[in-house]
Amino acid sequence: MTAAPDGIHRVRVETRLLRDAREAFLASTTREVQAIGAIDERELEAPGEITAAAAAAFAAHRDELLAAA
């Protein structure tokens, strides 16, 4: 995991590690937090508890930044 000066942590994940994932999500400034419903036809919990928490944290941070602008 690497921490950028902006405080964002980025993680490179090998595909083989996703085989045991219960949930997964993508995060970006344009899509915010988006649950991944399946990997290689294996369904995931979407959105799961961690994904929902990440989405809430992202939205709170976005709202804080917009209020300060």
C-alpha atoms as a PDB file:
ATOM      1  CA  MET A   1       0.000   0.000   0.000  1.00  0.00           C
ATOM      2  CA  THR A   2       1.267   3.465  -0.806  1.00  0.00           C
ATOM      3  CA  ALA A   3       0.129   6.710   0.757  1.00  0.00           C
ATOM      4  CA  ALA A   4       0.060   9.728  -1.516  1.00  0.00           C
ATOM      5  CA  PRO A   5       0.547  13.284  -0.227  1.00  0.00           C
ATOM      6  CA  ASP A   6      -3.226  13.730  -0.502  1.00  0.00           C
ATOM      7  CA  GLY A   7      -3.739  11.009   2.117  1.00  0.00           C
ATOM      8  CA  ILE A   8      -5.239   8.511  -0.328  1.00  0.00           C
ATOM      9  CA  HIS A   9      -4.043   4.923   0.009  1.00  0.00           C
ATOM     10  CA  ARG A  10      -3.679   2.920  -3.169  1.00  0.00           C
ATOM     11  CA  VAL A  11      -3.373  -0.834  -3.202  1.00  0.00           C
ATOM     12  CA  ARG A  12      -2.368  -3.063  -6.089  1.00  0.00           C
ATOM     13  CA  VAL A  13      -4.204  -6.371  -5.809  1.00  0.00           C
ATOM     14  CA  GLU A  14      -3.241  -9.507  -7.688  1.00  0.00           C
ATOM     15  CA  THR A  15      -6.142 -11.196  -9.444  1.00  0.00           C
ATOM     16  CA  ARG A  16      -5.541 -14.458  -7.566  1.00  0.00           C
ATOM     17  CA  LEU A  17      -6.262 -12.680  -4.270  1.00  0.00           C
ATOM     18  CA  LEU A  18      -9.727 -11.720  -5.493  1.00  0.00           C
ATOM     19  CA  ARG A  19     -10.831 -15.366  -5.555  1.00  0.00           C
ATOM     20  CA  ASP A  20     -11.562 -15.262  -1.814  1.00  0.00           C
ATOM     21  CA  ALA A  21     -13.079 -11.762  -1.741  1.00  0.00           C
ATOM     22  CA  ARG A  22     -16.540 -11.424  -0.209  1.00  0.00           C
ATOM     23  CA  GLU A  23     -16.949  -7.927  -1.598  1.00  0.00           C
ATOM     24  CA  ALA A  24     -15.072  -5.432  -3.743  1.00  0.00           C
ATOM     25  CA  PHE A  25     -15.511  -1.890  -4.974  1.00  0.00           C
ATOM     26  CA  LEU A  26     -14.060   0.700  -7.288  1.00  0.00           C
ATOM     27  CA  ALA A  27     -13.555   4.275  -6.138  1.00  0.00           C
ATOM     28  CA  SER A  28     -13.021   7.349  -8.256  1.00  0.00           C
ATOM     29  CA  THR A  29     -13.937  11.008  -8.302  1.00  0.00           C
ATOM     30  CA  THR A  30     -16.464  10.489 -11.089  1.00  0.00           C
ATOM     31  CA  ARG A  31     -18.184   7.322  -9.831  1.00  0.00           C
ATOM     32  CA  GLU A  32     -17.437   7.768  -6.134  1.00  0.00           C
ATOM     33  CA  VAL A  33     -17.706   4.259  -4.609  1.00  0.00           C
ATOM     34  CA  GLN A  34     -19.226   1.585  -6.818  1.00  0.00           C
ATOM     35  CA  ALA A  35     -19.783  -1.996  -5.674  1.00  0.00           C
ATOM     36  CA  ILE A  36     -18.530  -4.847  -7.846  1.00  0.00           C
ATOM     37  CA  GLY A  37     -21.227  -7.486  -8.172  1.00  0.00           C
ATOM     38  CA  ALA A  38     -19.165 -10.365  -9.559  1.00  0.00           C
ATOM     39  CA  ILE A  39     -15.639 -11.448 -10.407  1.00  0.00           C
ATOM     40  CA  ASP A  40     -15.262 -14.148 -13.042  1.00  0.00           C
ATOM     41  CA  GLU A  41     -18.958 -15.064 -12.730  1.00  0.00           C
ATOM     42  CA  ARG A  42     -18.687 -15.505  -8.932  1.00  0.00           C
ATOM     43  CA  GLU A  43     -21.235 -13.247  -7.261  1.00  0.00           C
ATOM     44  CA  LEU A  44     -20.126 -10.944  -4.461  1.00  0.00           C
ATOM     45  CA  GLU A  45     -22.018  -9.235  -1.677  1.00  0.00           C
ATOM     46  CA  ALA A  46     -22.797  -5.918  -3.354  1.00  0.00           C
ATOM     47  CA  PRO A  47     -22.872  -3.554  -1.737  1.00  0.00           C
ATOM     48  CA  GLY A  48     -21.404  -5.130   1.344  1.00  0.00           C
ATOM     49  CA  GLU A  49     -20.748  -3.599   4.752  1.00  0.00           C
ATOM     50  CA  ILE A  50     -17.252  -2.362   3.872  1.00  0.00           C
ATOM     51  CA  THR A  51     -18.414  -0.933   0.545  1.00  0.00           C
ATOM     52  CA  ALA A  52     -21.281   0.901   2.243  1.00  0.00           C
ATOM     53  CA  ALA A  53     -18.899   2.343   4.852  1.00  0.00           C
ATOM     54  CA  ALA A  54     -16.467   3.460   2.132  1.00  0.00           C
ATOM     55  CA  ALA A  55     -19.309   5.098   0.199  1.00  0.00           C
ATOM     56  CA  ALA A  56     -20.493   6.944   3.303  1.00  0.00           C
ATOM     57  CA  ALA A  57     -16.966   8.138   4.119  1.00  0.00           C
ATOM     58  CA  PHE A  58     -16.416   9.271   0.526  1.00  0.00           C
ATOM     59  CA  ALA A  59     -19.718  11.167   0.470  1.00  0.00           C
ATOM     60  CA  ALA A  60     -19.001  12.830   3.830  1.00  0.00           C
ATOM     61  CA  HIS A  61     -15.578  13.961   2.644  1.00  0.00           C
ATOM     62  CA  ARG A  62     -17.023  15.216  -0.661  1.00  0.00           C
ATOM     63  CA  ASP A  63     -19.716  17.169   1.175  1.00  0.00           C
ATOM     64  CA  GLU A  64     -17.128  18.662   3.532  1.00  0.00           C
ATOM     65  CA  LEU A  65     -15.005  19.825   0.606  1.00  0.00           C
ATOM     66  CA  LEU A  66     -17.981  21.299  -1.226  1.00  0.00           C
ATOM     67  CA  ALA A  67     -19.170  23.140   1.881  1.00  0.00           C
ATOM     68  CA  ALA A  68     -15.730  24.700   2.293  1.00  0.00           C
ATOM     69  CA  ALA A  69     -15.599  25.863  -1.336  1.00  0.00           C
END
